[in-house]
PDB file of all heavy atoms in Angstrom:
ATOM      1  N   ALA A   1      98.008  80.691 155.480  1.00  0.00           N
ATOM      2  CA  ALA A   1      98.580  79.382 155.167  1.00  0.00           C
ATOM      3  C   ALA A   1      97.592  78.516 154.401  1.00  0.00           C
ATOM      4  O   ALA A   1      96.415  78.421 154.758  1.00  0.00           O
ATOM      5  CB  ALA A   1      99.006  78.671 156.456  1.00  0.00           C
ATOM      6  N   LEU A   2      98.101  77.884 153.350  1.00  0.00           N
ATOM      7  CA  LEU A   2      97.326  76.952 152.530  1.00  0.00           C
ATOM      8  C   LEU A   2      98.012  75.599 152.567  1.00  0.00           C
ATOM      9  O   LEU A   2      99.216  75.495 152.291  1.00  0.00           O
ATOM     10  CB  LEU A   2      97.244  77.478 151.094  1.00  0.00           C
ATOM     11  CG  LEU A   2      96.529  76.663 150.017  1.00  0.00           C
ATOM     12  CD1 LEU A   2      96.096  77.585 148.874  1.00  0.00           C
ATOM     13  CD2 LEU A   2      97.383  75.533 149.455  1.00  0.00           C
ATOM     14  N   GLY A   3      97.260  74.568 152.890  1.00  0.00           N
ATOM     15  CA  GLY A   3      97.765  73.203 152.851  1.00  0.00           C
ATOM     16  C   GLY A   3      97.024  72.405 151.798  1.00  0.00           C
ATOM     17  O   GLY A   3      95.803  72.558 151.635  1.00  0.00           O
ATOM     18  N   LEU A   4      97.746  71.551 151.086  1.00  0.00           N
ATOM     19  CA  LEU A   4      97.120  70.788 150.006  1.00  0.00           C
ATOM     20  C   LEU A   4      96.009  69.881 150.505  1.00  0.00           C
ATOM     21  O   LEU A   4      95.048  69.604 149.779  1.00  0.00           O
ATOM     22  CB  LEU A   4      98.185  69.952 149.286  1.00  0.00           C
ATOM     23  CG  LEU A   4      99.341  70.719 148.645  1.00  0.00           C
ATOM     24  CD1 LEU A   4     100.297  69.743 147.966  1.00  0.00           C
ATOM     25  CD2 LEU A   4      98.854  71.760 147.652  1.00  0.00           C
ATOM     26  N   THR A   5      96.132  69.413 151.750  1.00  0.00           N
ATOM     27  CA  THR A   5      95.107  68.519 152.311  1.00  0.00           C
ATOM     28  C   THR A   5      94.422  69.123 153.529  1.00  0.00           C
ATOM     29  O   THR A   5      93.737  68.414 154.257  1.00  0.00           O
ATOM     30  CB  THR A   5      95.727  67.161 152.688  1.00  0.00           C
ATOM     31  OG1 THR A   5      96.759  67.365 153.662  1.00  0.00           O
ATOM     32  CG2 THR A   5      96.311  66.464 151.472  1.00  0.00           C
ATOM     33  N   ALA A   6      94.606  70.404 153.766  1.00  0.00           N
ATOM     34  CA  ALA A   6      93.973  71.058 154.916  1.00  0.00           C
ATOM     35  C   ALA A   6      92.473  71.222 154.688  1.00  0.00           C
ATOM     36  O   ALA A   6      92.000  71.258 153.550  1.00  0.00           O
ATOM     37  CB  ALA A   6      94.617  72.415 155.168  1.00  0.00           C
ATOM     38  N   ASP A   7      91.730  71.350 155.786  1.00  0.00           N
ATOM     39  CA  ASP A   7      90.278  71.520 155.694  1.00  0.00           C
ATOM     40  C   ASP A   7      89.896  72.916 155.207  1.00  0.00           C
ATOM     41  O   ASP A   7      88.791  73.108 154.694  1.00  0.00           O
ATOM     42  CB  ASP A   7      89.623  71.281 157.060  1.00  0.00           C
ATOM     43  CG  ASP A   7      89.746  69.834 157.520  1.00  0.00           C
ATOM     44  OD1 ASP A   7      89.874  68.951 156.652  1.00  0.00           O
ATOM     45  OD2 ASP A   7      89.729  69.612 158.742  1.00  0.00           O
ATOM     46  N   ALA A   8      90.812  73.875 155.389  1.00  0.00           N
ATOM     47  CA  ALA A   8      90.491  75.259 155.035  1.00  0.00           C
ATOM     48  C   ALA A   8      91.778  76.046 154.829  1.00  0.00           C
ATOM     49  O   ALA A   8      92.853  75.640 155.282  1.00  0.00           O
ATOM     50  CB  ALA A   8      89.653  75.916 156.127  1.00  0.00           C
ATOM     51  N   ILE A   9      91.656  77.169 154.158  1.00  0.00           N
ATOM     52  CA  ILE A   9      92.730  78.157 154.099  1.00  0.00           C
ATOM     53  C   ILE A   9      92.495  79.111 155.265  1.00  0.00           C
ATOM     54  O   ILE A   9      91.387  79.621 155.453  1.00  0.00           O
ATOM     55  CB  ILE A   9      92.719  78.902 152.761  1.00  0.00           C
ATOM     56  CG1 ILE A   9      92.953  77.918 151.614  1.00  0.00           C
ATOM     57  CG2 ILE A   9      93.787  79.994 152.744  1.00  0.00           C
ATOM     58  CD1 ILE A   9      92.732  78.522 150.243  1.00  0.00           C
ATOM     59  N   THR A  10      93.549  79.352 156.049  1.00  0.00           N
ATOM     60  CA  THR A  10      93.405  80.050 157.319  1.00  0.00           C
ATOM     61  C   THR A  10      94.401  81.195 157.408  1.00  0.00           C
ATOM     62  O   THR A  10      95.535  81.071 156.947  1.00  0.00           O
ATOM     63  CB  THR A  10      93.644  79.078 158.486  1.00  0.00           C
ATOM     64  OG1 THR A  10      92.731  77.976 158.366  1.00  0.00           O
ATOM     65  CG2 THR A  10      93.434  79.750 159.830  1.00  0.00           C
ATOM     66  N   TRP A  11      93.945  82.318 158.004  1.00  0.00           N
ATOM     67  CA  TRP A  11      94.919  83.363 158.321  1.00  0.00           C
ATOM     68  C   TRP A  11      95.045  83.497 159.832  1.00  0.00           C
ATOM     69  O   TRP A  11      94.092  83.260 160.585  1.00  0.00           O
ATOM     70  CB  TRP A  11      94.567  84.690 157.653  1.00  0.00           C
ATOM     71  CG  TRP A  11      93.398  85.488 158.139  1.00  0.00           C
ATOM     72  CD1 TRP A  11      92.098  85.344 157.779  1.00  0.00           C
ATOM     73  CD2 TRP A  11      93.430  86.621 159.030  1.00  0.00           C
ATOM     74  NE1 TRP A  11      91.311  86.291 158.391  1.00  0.00           N
ATOM     75  CE2 TRP A  11      92.110  87.092 159.163  1.00  0.00           C
ATOM     76  CE3 TRP A  11      94.446  87.272 159.732  1.00  0.00           C
ATOM     77  CZ2 TRP A  11      91.775  88.193 159.967  1.00  0.00           C
ATOM     78  CZ3 TRP A  11      94.121  88.361 160.526  1.00  0.00           C
ATOM     79  CH2 TRP A  11      92.804  88.805 160.645  1.00  0.00           C
ATOM     80  N   TYR A  12      96.272  83.827 160.260  1.00  0.00           N
ATOM     81  CA  TYR A  12      96.620  83.886 161.682  1.00  0.00           C
ATOM     82  C   TYR A  12      96.966  85.330 162.033  1.00  0.00           C
ATOM     83  O   TYR A  12      97.848  85.942 161.444  1.00  0.00           O
ATOM     84  CB  TYR A  12      97.800  82.954 161.966  1.00  0.00           C
ATOM     85  CG  TYR A  12      97.454  81.521 161.656  1.00  0.00           C
ATOM     86  CD1 TYR A  12      97.637  81.008 160.368  1.00  0.00           C
ATOM     87  CD2 TYR A  12      96.920  80.679 162.623  1.00  0.00           C
ATOM     88  CE1 TYR A  12      97.298  79.702 160.072  1.00  0.00           C
ATOM     89  CE2 TYR A  12      96.577  79.374 162.334  1.00  0.00           C
ATOM     90  CZ  TYR A  12      96.770  78.890 161.046  1.00  0.00           C
ATOM     91  OH  TYR A  12      96.421  77.590 160.753  1.00  0.00           O
ATOM     92  N   GLU A  13      96.224  85.841 163.031  1.00  0.00           N
ATOM     93  CA  GLU A  13      96.264  87.271 163.354  1.00  0.00           C
ATOM     94  C   GLU A  13      97.449  87.610 164.257  1.00  0.00           C
ATOM     95  O   GLU A  13      97.606  87.055 165.339  1.00  0.00           O
ATOM     96  CB  GLU A  13      94.954  87.673 164.032  1.00  0.00           C
ATOM     97  CG  GLU A  13      94.793  89.160 164.242  1.00  0.00           C
ATOM     98  CD  GLU A  13      93.418  89.522 164.767  1.00  0.00           C
ATOM     99  OE1 GLU A  13      92.524  88.634 164.787  1.00  0.00           O
ATOM    100  OE2 GLU A  13      93.224  90.687 165.160  1.00  0.00           O
ATOM    101  N   ASN A  14      98.260  88.509 163.805  1.00  0.00           N
ATOM    102  CA  ASN A  14      99.421  89.014 164.538  1.00  0.00           C
ATOM    103  C   ASN A  14      98.951  89.988 165.628  1.00  0.00           C
ATOM    104  O   ASN A  14      98.157  90.890 165.343  1.00  0.00           O
ATOM    105  CB  ASN A  14     100.325  89.741 163.532  1.00  0.00           C
ATOM    106  CG  ASN A  14     101.654  90.184 164.086  1.00  0.00           C
ATOM    107  OD1 ASN A  14     101.910  90.106 165.281  1.00  0.00           O
ATOM    108  ND2 ASN A  14     102.498  90.683 163.213  1.00  0.00           N
ATOM    109  N   PRO A  15      99.402  89.863 166.901  1.00  0.00           N
ATOM    110  CA  PRO A  15     100.469  88.997 167.407  1.00  0.00           C
ATOM    111  C   PRO A  15      99.981  87.766 168.169  1.00  0.00           C
ATOM    112  O   PRO A  15     100.802  86.997 168.662  1.00  0.00           O
ATOM    113  CB  PRO A  15     101.199  89.932 168.356  1.00  0.00           C
ATOM    114  CG  PRO A  15     100.103  90.751 168.959  1.00  0.00           C
ATOM    115  CD  PRO A  15      99.087  90.946 167.857  1.00  0.00           C
ATOM    116  N   THR A  16      98.665  87.583 168.317  1.00  0.00           N
ATOM    117  CA  THR A  16      98.165  86.459 169.121  1.00  0.00           C
ATOM    118  C   THR A  16      98.120  85.158 168.333  1.00  0.00           C
ATOM    119  O   THR A  16      97.983  84.091 168.914  1.00  0.00           O
ATOM    120  CB  THR A  16      96.745  86.765 169.623  1.00  0.00           C
ATOM    121  OG1 THR A  16      95.868  86.935 168.481  1.00  0.00           O
ATOM    122  CG2 THR A  16      96.721  88.038 170.467  1.00  0.00           C
ATOM    123  N   TRP A  17      98.155  85.274 166.999  1.00  0.00           N
ATOM    124  CA  TRP A  17      98.063  84.153 166.073  1.00  0.00           C
ATOM    125  C   TRP A  17      96.728  83.430 166.174  1.00  0.00           C
ATOM    126  O   TRP A  17      96.630  82.219 165.992  1.00  0.00           O
ATOM    127  CB  TRP A  17      99.239  83.194 166.238  1.00  0.00           C
ATOM    128  CG  TRP A  17     100.553  83.907 166.208  1.00  0.00           C
ATOM    129  CD1 TRP A  17     101.530  83.889 167.151  1.00  0.00           C
ATOM    130  CD2 TRP A  17     101.026  84.796 165.166  1.00  0.00           C
ATOM    131  NE1 TRP A  17     102.580  84.708 166.770  1.00  0.00           N
ATOM    132  CE2 TRP A  17     102.299  85.274 165.568  1.00  0.00           C
ATOM    133  CE3 TRP A  17     100.504  85.235 163.947  1.00  0.00           C
ATOM    134  CZ2 TRP A  17     103.043  86.163 164.786  1.00  0.00           C
ATOM    135  CZ3 TRP A  17     101.241  86.112 163.170  1.00  0.00           C
ATOM    136  CH2 TRP A  17     102.493  86.568 163.588  1.00  0.00           C
ATOM    137  N   THR A  18      95.695  84.202 166.469  1.00  0.00           N
ATOM    138  CA  THR A  18      94.332  83.668 166.446  1.00  0.00           C
ATOM    139  C   THR A  18      93.979  83.259 165.020  1.00  0.00           C
ATOM    140  O   THR A  18      94.142  84.038 164.082  1.00  0.00           O
ATOM    141  CB  THR A  18      93.336  84.730 166.930  1.00  0.00           C
ATOM    142  OG1 THR A  18      93.692  85.135 168.252  1.00  0.00           O
ATOM    143  CG2 THR A  18      91.919  84.184 166.919  1.00  0.00           C
ATOM    144  N   PRO A  19      93.493  82.029 164.810  1.00  0.00           N
ATOM    145  CA  PRO A  19      93.170  81.580 163.444  1.00  0.00           C
ATOM    146  C   PRO A  19      91.800  82.066 162.982  1.00  0.00           C
ATOM    147  O   PRO A  19      90.847  82.117 163.772  1.00  0.00           O
ATOM    148  CB  PRO A  19      93.206  80.060 163.574  1.00  0.00           C
ATOM    149  CG  PRO A  19      92.830  79.795 165.001  1.00  0.00           C
ATOM    150  CD  PRO A  19      93.375  80.946 165.807  1.00  0.00           C
ATOM    151  N   HIS A  20      91.707  82.398 161.708  1.00  0.00           N
ATOM    152  CA  HIS A  20      90.441  82.783 161.085  1.00  0.00           C
ATOM    153  C   HIS A  20      90.328  82.056 159.745  1.00  0.00           C
ATOM    154  O   HIS A  20      91.233  82.127 158.917  1.00  0.00           O
ATOM    155  CB  HIS A  20      90.368  84.295 160.847  1.00  0.00           C
ATOM    156  CG  HIS A  20      90.600  85.118 162.075  1.00  0.00           C
ATOM    157  ND1 HIS A  20      89.668  85.230 163.092  1.00  0.00           N
ATOM    158  CD2 HIS A  20      91.665  85.878 162.445  1.00  0.00           C
ATOM    159  CE1 HIS A  20      90.152  86.035 164.041  1.00  0.00           C
ATOM    160  NE2 HIS A  20      91.358  86.439 163.663  1.00  0.00           N
ATOM    161  N   THR A  21      89.219  81.394 159.521  1.00  0.00           N
ATOM    162  CA  THR A  21      89.001  80.670 158.274  1.00  0.00           C
ATOM    163  C   THR A  21      88.681  81.643 157.143  1.00  0.00           C
ATOM    164  O   THR A  21      87.802  82.505 157.279  1.00  0.00           O
ATOM    165  CB  THR A  21      87.861  79.654 158.416  1.00  0.00           C
ATOM    166  OG1 THR A  21      88.237  78.669 159.378  1.00  0.00           O
ATOM    167  CG2 THR A  21      87.554  78.973 157.094  1.00  0.00           C
ATOM    168  N   ILE A  22      89.378  81.500 156.034  1.00  0.00           N
ATOM    169  CA  ILE A  22      89.087  82.298 154.839  1.00  0.00           C
ATOM    170  C   ILE A  22      88.071  81.571 153.968  1.00  0.00           C
ATOM    171  O   ILE A  22      87.024  82.115 153.625  1.00  0.00           O
ATOM    172  CB  ILE A  22      90.380  82.575 154.048  1.00  0.00           C
ATOM    173  CG1 ILE A  22      91.326  83.437 154.887  1.00  0.00           C
ATOM    174  CG2 ILE A  22      90.069  83.251 152.717  1.00  0.00           C
ATOM    175  CD1 ILE A  22      92.676  83.659 154.245  1.00  0.00           C
ATOM    176  N   ILE A  23      88.397  80.319 153.603  1.00  0.00           N
ATOM    177  CA  ILE A  23      87.479  79.520 152.798  1.00  0.00           C
ATOM    178  C   ILE A  23      87.786  78.057 153.054  1.00  0.00           C
ATOM    179  O   ILE A  23      88.931  77.684 153.320  1.00  0.00           O
ATOM    180  CB  ILE A  23      87.615  79.862 151.289  1.00  0.00           C
ATOM    181  CG1 ILE A  23      86.435  79.318 150.493  1.00  0.00           C
ATOM    182  CG2 ILE A  23      88.954  79.385 150.726  1.00  0.00           C
ATOM    183  CD1 ILE A  23      86.348  79.886 149.066  1.00  0.00           C
ATOM    184  N   THR A  24      86.786  77.217 153.021  1.00  0.00           N
ATOM    185  CA  THR A  24      86.981  75.794 153.281  1.00  0.00           C
ATOM    186  C   THR A  24      87.367  75.071 151.996  1.00  0.00           C
ATOM    187  O   THR A  24      87.111  75.547 150.880  1.00  0.00           O
ATOM    188  CB  THR A  24      85.717  75.146 153.849  1.00  0.00           C
ATOM    189  OG1 THR A  24      84.691  75.158 152.846  1.00  0.00           O
ATOM    190  CG2 THR A  24      85.234  75.896 155.096  1.00  0.00           C
ATOM    191  N   ALA A  25      87.955  73.897 152.177  1.00  0.00           N
ATOM    192  CA  ALA A  25      88.306  73.072 151.032  1.00  0.00           C
ATOM    193  C   ALA A  25      87.066  72.569 150.306  1.00  0.00           C
ATOM    194  O   ALA A  25      87.133  72.235 149.118  1.00  0.00           O
ATOM    195  CB  ALA A  25      89.166  71.897 151.481  1.00  0.00           C
ATOM    196  N   GLN A  26      85.947  72.536 150.999  1.00  0.00           N
ATOM    197  CA  GLN A  26      84.702  72.146 150.345  1.00  0.00           C
ATOM    198  C   GLN A  26      84.272  73.196 149.323  1.00  0.00           C
ATOM    199  O   GLN A  26      83.764  72.861 148.246  1.00  0.00           O
ATOM    200  CB  GLN A  26      83.599  71.956 151.394  1.00  0.00           C
ATOM    201  CG  GLN A  26      82.263  71.516 150.815  1.00  0.00           C
ATOM    202  CD  GLN A  26      81.223  71.266 151.886  1.00  0.00           C
ATOM    203  OE1 GLN A  26      81.510  71.346 153.080  1.00  0.00           O
ATOM    204  NE2 GLN A  26      80.004  70.963 151.472  1.00  0.00           N
ATOM    205  N   ASP A  27      84.505  74.468 149.640  1.00  0.00           N
ATOM    206  CA  ASP A  27      84.111  75.546 148.729  1.00  0.00           C
ATOM    207  C   ASP A  27      85.182  75.851 147.686  1.00  0.00           C
ATOM    208  O   ASP A  27      84.881  76.465 146.653  1.00  0.00           O
ATOM    209  CB  ASP A  27      83.807  76.818 149.535  1.00  0.00           C
ATOM    210  CG  ASP A  27      82.553  76.684 150.370  1.00  0.00           C
ATOM    211  OD1 ASP A  27      81.627  75.972 149.932  1.00  0.00           O
ATOM    212  OD2 ASP A  27      82.501  77.270 151.467  1.00  0.00           O
ATOM    213  N   ALA A  28      86.417  75.448 147.950  1.00  0.00           N
ATOM    214  CA  ALA A  28      87.502  75.630 146.984  1.00  0.00           C
ATOM    215  C   ALA A  28      88.351  74.355 146.994  1.00  0.00           C
ATOM    216  O   ALA A  28      89.409  74.306 147.618  1.00  0.00           O
ATOM    217  CB  ALA A  28      88.346  76.846 147.338  1.00  0.00           C
ATOM    218  N   PRO A  29      87.905  73.307 146.306  1.00  0.00           N
ATOM    219  CA  PRO A  29      88.582  72.004 146.378  1.00  0.00           C
ATOM    220  C   PRO A  29      89.977  72.031 145.757  1.00  0.00           C
ATOM    221  O   PRO A  29      90.251  72.761 144.815  1.00  0.00           O
ATOM    222  CB  PRO A  29      87.648  71.082 145.572  1.00  0.00           C
ATOM    223  CG  PRO A  29      86.344  71.804 145.490  1.00  0.00           C
ATOM    224  CD  PRO A  29      86.694  73.255 145.497  1.00  0.00           C
ATOM    225  N   LYS A  30      90.837  71.198 146.312  1.00  0.00           N
ATOM    226  CA  LYS A  30      92.200  70.993 145.809  1.00  0.00           C
ATOM    227  C   LYS A  30      92.946  72.307 145.576  1.00  0.00           C
ATOM    228  O   LYS A  30      93.450  72.559 144.490  1.00  0.00           O
ATOM    229  CB  LYS A  30      92.170  70.121 144.567  1.00  0.00           C
ATOM    230  CG  LYS A  30      91.749  68.688 144.860  1.00  0.00           C
ATOM    231  CD  LYS A  30      92.005  67.773 143.692  1.00  0.00           C
ATOM    232  CE  LYS A  30      90.903  67.853 142.675  1.00  0.00           C
ATOM    233  NZ  LYS A  30      91.059  66.856 141.596  1.00  0.00           N
ATOM    234  N   PRO A  31      93.021  73.167 146.613  1.00  0.00           N
ATOM    235  CA  PRO A  31      93.770  74.417 146.460  1.00  0.00           C
ATOM    236  C   PRO A  31      95.259  74.140 146.389  1.00  0.00           C
ATOM    237  O   PRO A  31      95.757  73.186 146.980  1.00  0.00           O
ATOM    238  CB  PRO A  31      93.410  75.189 147.729  1.00  0.00           C
ATOM    239  CG  PRO A  31      93.164  74.118 148.749  1.00  0.00           C
ATOM    240  CD  PRO A  31      92.513  72.996 147.989  1.00  0.00           C
ATOM    241  N   VAL A  32      95.998  75.008 145.684  1.00  0.00           N
ATOM    242  CA  VAL A  32      97.433  74.781 145.546  1.00  0.00           C
ATOM    243  C   VAL A  32      98.258  76.035 145.801  1.00  0.00           C
ATOM    244  O   VAL A  32      99.357  75.955 146.332  1.00  0.00           O
ATOM    245  CB  VAL A  32      97.767  74.182 144.156  1.00  0.00           C
ATOM    246  CG1 VAL A  32      97.424  75.165 143.039  1.00  0.00           C
ATOM    247  CG2 VAL A  32      99.225  73.773 144.073  1.00  0.00           C
ATOM    248  N   TYR A  33      97.746  77.230 145.444  1.00  0.00           N
ATOM    249  CA  TYR A  33      98.574  78.428 145.603  1.00  0.00           C
ATOM    250  C   TYR A  33      97.690  79.658 145.709  1.00  0.00           C
ATOM    251  O   TYR A  33      96.540  79.663 145.257  1.00  0.00           O
ATOM    252  CB  TYR A  33      99.524  78.577 144.409  1.00  0.00           C
ATOM    253  CG  TYR A  33     100.850  79.182 144.787  1.00  0.00           C
ATOM    254  CD1 TYR A  33     101.830  78.419 145.411  1.00  0.00           C
ATOM    255  CD2 TYR A  33     101.137  80.526 144.538  1.00  0.00           C
ATOM    256  CE1 TYR A  33     103.054  78.963 145.777  1.00  0.00           C
ATOM    257  CE2 TYR A  33     102.353  81.076 144.885  1.00  0.00           C
ATOM    258  CZ  TYR A  33     103.308  80.303 145.501  1.00  0.00           C
ATOM    259  OH  TYR A  33     104.523  80.853 145.874  1.00  0.00           O
ATOM    260  N   MET A  34      98.279  80.721 146.292  1.00  0.00           N
ATOM    261  CA  MET A  34      97.520  81.954 146.488  1.00  0.00           C
ATOM    262  C   MET A  34      98.479  83.130 146.576  1.00  0.00           C
ATOM    263  O   MET A  34      99.682  82.980 146.777  1.00  0.00           O
ATOM    264  CB  MET A  34      96.691  81.866 147.775  1.00  0.00           C
ATOM    265  CG  MET A  34      97.533  81.698 149.012  1.00  0.00           C
ATOM    266  SD  MET A  34      96.590  81.495 150.537  1.00  0.00           S
ATOM    267  CE  MET A  34      97.915  81.092 151.669  1.00  0.00           C
ATOM    268  N   ASP A  35      97.923  84.328 146.435  1.00  0.00           N
ATOM    269  CA  ASP A  35      98.653  85.569 146.658  1.00  0.00           C
ATOM    270  C   ASP A  35      97.638  86.609 147.103  1.00  0.00           C
ATOM    271  O   ASP A  35      96.421  86.400 147.008  1.00  0.00           O
ATOM    272  CB  ASP A  35      99.390  86.003 145.396  1.00  0.00           C
ATOM    273  CG  ASP A  35     100.541  86.959 145.684  1.00  0.00           C
ATOM    274  OD1 ASP A  35     100.840  87.201 146.880  1.00  0.00           O
ATOM    275  OD2 ASP A  35     101.140  87.473 144.728  1.00  0.00           O
ATOM    276  N   ALA A  36      98.137  87.753 147.594  1.00  0.00           N
ATOM    277  CA  ALA A  36      97.243  88.779 148.121  1.00  0.00           C
ATOM    278  C   ALA A  36      97.684  90.159 147.660  1.00  0.00           C
ATOM    279  O   ALA A  36      98.881  90.453 147.560  1.00  0.00           O
ATOM    280  CB  ALA A  36      97.232  88.727 149.648  1.00  0.00           C
ATOM    281  N   ALA A  37      96.695  91.015 147.374  1.00  0.00           N
ATOM    282  CA  ALA A  37      96.941  92.422 147.043  1.00  0.00           C
ATOM    283  C   ALA A  37      95.640  93.182 147.212  1.00  0.00           C
ATOM    284  O   ALA A  37      94.551  92.637 146.981  1.00  0.00           O
ATOM    285  CB  ALA A  37      97.458  92.575 145.613  1.00  0.00           C
ATOM    286  N   ASP A  38      95.734  94.438 147.608  1.00  0.00           N
ATOM    287  CA  ASP A  38      94.545  95.278 147.785  1.00  0.00           C
ATOM    288  C   ASP A  38      94.206  95.904 146.438  1.00  0.00           C
ATOM    289  O   ASP A  38      94.697  96.967 146.087  1.00  0.00           O
ATOM    290  CB  ASP A  38      94.818  96.347 148.838  1.00  0.00           C
ATOM    291  CG  ASP A  38      93.588  97.204 149.115  1.00  0.00           C
ATOM    292  OD1 ASP A  38      92.490  96.861 148.622  1.00  0.00           O
ATOM    293  OD2 ASP A  38      93.733  98.230 149.816  1.00  0.00           O
ATOM    294  N   ILE A  39      93.341  95.251 145.678  1.00  0.00           N
ATOM    295  CA  ILE A  39      93.036  95.735 144.342  1.00  0.00           C
ATOM    296  C   ILE A  39      91.840  96.687 144.310  1.00  0.00           C
ATOM    297  O   ILE A  39      91.638  97.382 143.314  1.00  0.00           O
ATOM    298  CB  ILE A  39      92.798  94.567 143.361  1.00  0.00           C
ATOM    299  CG1 ILE A  39      91.669  93.655 143.835  1.00  0.00           C
ATOM    300  CG2 ILE A  39      94.086  93.775 143.176  1.00  0.00           C
ATOM    301  CD1 ILE A  39      91.381  92.505 142.874  1.00  0.00           C
ATOM    302  N   ASP A  40      91.061  96.755 145.399  1.00  0.00           N
ATOM    303  CA  ASP A  40      89.934  97.682 145.407  1.00  0.00           C
ATOM    304  C   ASP A  40      90.166  98.893 146.304  1.00  0.00           C
ATOM    305  O   ASP A  40      89.300  99.775 146.406  1.00  0.00           O
ATOM    306  CB  ASP A  40      88.636  96.971 145.800  1.00  0.00           C
ATOM    307  CG  ASP A  40      88.663  96.404 147.222  1.00  0.00           C
ATOM    308  OD1 ASP A  40      89.659  96.650 147.955  1.00  0.00           O
ATOM    309  OD2 ASP A  40      87.703  95.713 147.599  1.00  0.00           O
ATOM    310  N   GLY A  41      91.327  98.951 146.978  1.00  0.00           N
ATOM    311  CA  GLY A  41      91.699 100.147 147.733  1.00  0.00           C
ATOM    312  C   GLY A  41      90.994 100.332 149.055  1.00  0.00           C
ATOM    313  O   GLY A  41      91.019 101.430 149.616  1.00  0.00           O
ATOM    314  N   ASP A  42      90.427  99.257 149.630  1.00  0.00           N
ATOM    315  CA  ASP A  42      89.724  99.405 150.910  1.00  0.00           C
ATOM    316  C   ASP A  42      90.629  99.146 152.109  1.00  0.00           C
ATOM    317  O   ASP A  42      90.166  99.154 153.252  1.00  0.00           O
ATOM    318  CB  ASP A  42      88.495  98.506 150.957  1.00  0.00           C
ATOM    319  CG  ASP A  42      88.837  97.012 151.028  1.00  0.00           C
ATOM    320  OD1 ASP A  42      90.030  96.670 150.850  1.00  0.00           O
ATOM    321  OD2 ASP A  42      87.914  96.202 151.240  1.00  0.00           O
ATOM    322  N   GLY A  43      91.918  98.907 151.860  1.00  0.00           N
ATOM    323  CA  GLY A  43      92.856  98.673 152.950  1.00  0.00           C
ATOM    324  C   GLY A  43      92.990  97.225 153.364  1.00  0.00           C
ATOM    325  O   GLY A  43      93.854  96.888 154.180  1.00  0.00           O
ATOM    326  N   ILE A  44      92.153  96.355 152.834  1.00  0.00           N
ATOM    327  CA  ILE A  44      92.207  94.921 153.117  1.00  0.00           C
ATOM    328  C   ILE A  44      92.443  94.199 151.809  1.00  0.00           C
ATOM    329  O   ILE A  44      91.761  94.456 150.811  1.00  0.00           O
ATOM    330  CB  ILE A  44      90.914  94.432 153.793  1.00  0.00           C
ATOM    331  CG1 ILE A  44      90.748  95.119 155.154  1.00  0.00           C
ATOM    332  CG2 ILE A  44      90.927  92.909 153.962  1.00  0.00           C
ATOM    333  CD1 ILE A  44      89.449  94.809 155.850  1.00  0.00           C
ATOM    334  N   PRO A  45      93.404  93.299 151.759  1.00  0.00           N
ATOM    335  CA  PRO A  45      93.753  92.691 150.475  1.00  0.00           C
ATOM    336  C   PRO A  45      92.690  91.724 149.970  1.00  0.00           C
ATOM    337  O   PRO A  45      91.924  91.155 150.747  1.00  0.00           O
ATOM    338  CB  PRO A  45      95.052  91.946 150.781  1.00  0.00           C
ATOM    339  CG  PRO A  45      94.959  91.633 152.244  1.00  0.00           C
ATOM    340  CD  PRO A  45      94.263  92.819 152.860  1.00  0.00           C
ATOM    341  N   GLU A  46      92.649  91.571 148.659  1.00  0.00           N
ATOM    342  CA  GLU A  46      91.940  90.465 148.041  1.00  0.00           C
ATOM    343  C   GLU A  46      92.937  89.303 147.904  1.00  0.00           C
ATOM    344  O   GLU A  46      94.152  89.520 147.907  1.00  0.00           O
ATOM    345  CB  GLU A  46      91.403  90.845 146.660  1.00  0.00           C
ATOM    346  CG  GLU A  46      90.133  91.687 146.689  1.00  0.00           C
ATOM    347  CD  GLU A  46      90.357  93.070 147.302  1.00  0.00           C
ATOM    348  OE1 GLU A  46      91.269  93.792 146.835  1.00  0.00           O
ATOM    349  OE2 GLU A  46      89.639  93.416 148.256  1.00  0.00           O
TER     350      GLU A  46
END
């Protein structure tokens, strides 16, 4: 989930929905949109 005014972009782990910070708004200011795909083939998306 990305929020325009959120402190960070966060992913929530299925099924407990434990939150994990991906990147803070300080390191990526004014975020607006994102997508994901495994472009390097390691099984985890970029």
